Structures are given as structure tokens and as C-alpha cells.
Amino acid sequence: MSEEDGRHVRITGRVQVVAFRAWARRRALALGLRGWVRNEPDGSVTALIAGPKADVATMLREFGEGPAAASVAAVESDPADPAGVAQGFEITR
């Protein structure tokens, strides 16, 4: 089994009201990642992602692009414990 990684991610720019969360969930599930994604009151989107290190790295790169209607200004990530991340990938409030 490949080494696991976990990241807490904050994405800024025009990332709300552009289907960013639904896009992120589809991409995360396609990569086999676990975690969640949500909108924040300040207009950013945050996510917790966990899974194989290479797939987490791919998702971080994809967060930088986002869906077609988004305009991502920045992606910041901090380490998170992958062992504490539940199965599945949810859109939360």
C-alpha cells in the first residue's frame, strides 16, 4: 500500500457559486480520496483530503485549476493526520 497523506486546504478566489464543491467531490472520489469540502463565510472554500500521497498531490494541483467557472487565486495547505479522516467524501456546510 502506498504511503498516506492528509491535507487541510484553503482555496481562495472566485470559488463559491461556481459548483466548486460538487466538482471537488467528484474529483476526490475519482482519485479515491477521503474527506470533505465546504464553503466558508469569507468566500473561500476549505477541504480536508486524505489518501495515497500521489493522489493527494494530484488533488492539490487540481484545486489550483478548479472547475471551468472558478478563478482560483491561491491554494494553501497544511498537514493533517490521514488516520483521522473518515471514509467517503462529503460536501459539508
Protein backbone atom coordinates (compact mmCIF):
# COMPACT_ATOMS: atom_id res chain seq x y z
CA MET A 1 0.00 0.00 0.00
CA SER A 2 1.27 3.48 -0.82
CA GLU A 3 2.08 6.00 1.87
CA GLU A 4 -0.92 8.02 3.09
CA ASP A 5 -1.03 11.80 3.25
CA GLY A 6 -3.57 14.21 4.66
CA ARG A 7 -4.01 17.92 3.97
CA HIS A 8 -6.23 20.68 5.24
CA VAL A 9 -6.67 23.02 2.26
CA ARG A 10 -7.94 26.59 1.82
CA ILE A 11 -8.79 27.78 -1.69
CA THR A 12 -9.39 31.49 -2.39
CA GLY A 13 -10.57 33.45 -5.39
CA ARG A 14 -13.91 33.13 -7.16
CA VAL A 15 -14.62 29.68 -5.74
CA GLN A 16 -18.19 29.95 -4.46
CA VAL A 17 -21.35 29.87 -6.62
CA VAL A 18 -19.33 28.13 -9.36
CA ALA A 19 -20.03 24.48 -8.38
CA PHE A 20 -16.58 24.18 -6.80
CA ARG A 21 -17.69 21.85 -4.01
CA ALA A 22 -19.51 19.45 -6.34
CA TRP A 23 -16.53 19.44 -8.70
CA ALA A 24 -14.12 18.82 -5.78
CA ARG A 25 -16.23 15.91 -4.53
CA ARG A 26 -16.32 14.28 -7.98
CA ARG A 27 -12.55 14.67 -8.45
CA ALA A 28 -11.75 13.43 -4.94
CA LEU A 29 -13.93 10.35 -5.35
CA ALA A 30 -12.40 9.65 -8.77
CA LEU A 31 -8.96 9.74 -7.13
CA GLY A 32 -10.11 7.53 -4.24
CA LEU A 33 -9.62 10.25 -1.62
CA ARG A 34 -11.47 10.65 1.68
CA GLY A 35 -12.57 13.83 3.39
CA TRP A 36 -14.88 16.80 2.97
CA VAL A 37 -15.25 20.21 1.30
CA ARG A 38 -17.22 23.29 2.42
CA ASN A 39 -17.82 26.98 1.72
CA GLU A 40 -16.57 29.48 4.29
CA PRO A 41 -18.21 32.79 5.27
CA ASP A 42 -15.22 34.76 3.90
CA GLY A 43 -15.83 33.45 0.35
CA SER A 44 -13.13 30.79 0.43
CA VAL A 45 -13.53 27.02 0.23
CA THR A 46 -11.86 24.66 2.68
CA ALA A 47 -11.29 20.95 2.34
CA LEU A 48 -9.79 18.05 4.22
CA ILE A 49 -8.34 15.41 1.93
CA ALA A 50 -6.61 12.14 2.71
CA GLY A 51 -5.41 9.16 0.75
CA PRO A 52 -2.38 7.89 -1.15
CA LYS A 53 0.33 10.56 -1.24
CA ALA A 54 0.46 10.78 -5.06
CA ASP A 55 -3.33 11.19 -5.30
CA VAL A 56 -3.37 13.91 -2.64
CA ALA A 57 -0.66 15.74 -4.62
CA THR A 58 -2.78 15.42 -7.78
CA MET A 59 -5.82 16.86 -5.99
CA LEU A 60 -3.78 19.78 -4.66
CA ARG A 61 -2.71 20.60 -8.23
CA GLU A 62 -6.30 20.28 -9.44
CA PHE A 63 -7.51 22.63 -6.69
CA GLY A 64 -5.28 25.24 -8.33
CA GLU A 65 -7.34 24.99 -11.51
CA GLY A 66 -10.82 24.29 -10.15
CA PRO A 67 -13.90 23.88 -12.34
CA ALA A 68 -14.25 25.95 -15.52
CA ALA A 69 -16.32 28.75 -13.90
CA ALA A 70 -13.89 29.24 -11.00
CA SER A 71 -10.98 31.63 -10.80
CA VAL A 72 -8.57 30.31 -8.17
CA ALA A 73 -6.29 32.93 -6.61
CA ALA A 74 -4.43 30.71 -4.12
CA VAL A 75 -4.31 27.24 -2.62
CA GLU A 76 -2.84 26.90 0.87
CA SER A 77 -2.40 23.54 2.54
CA ASP A 78 -1.28 22.31 5.92
CA PRO A 79 -0.56 18.74 7.02
CA ALA A 80 -3.43 16.77 8.54
CA ASP A 81 -3.50 13.32 10.11
CA PRO A 82 -4.83 10.96 7.40
CA ALA A 83 -5.71 8.33 10.01
CA GLY A 84 -8.43 10.58 11.43
CA VAL A 85 -10.25 11.12 8.13
CA ALA A 86 -13.45 9.09 7.69
CA GLN A 87 -14.29 7.09 4.58
CA GLY A 88 -16.15 8.82 1.76
CA PHE A 89 -16.02 12.41 0.61
CA GLU A 90 -18.77 14.80 1.67
CA ILE A 91 -19.90 18.33 0.95
CA THR A 92 -20.48 19.93 4.35
CA ARG A 93 -21.82 23.29 5.44
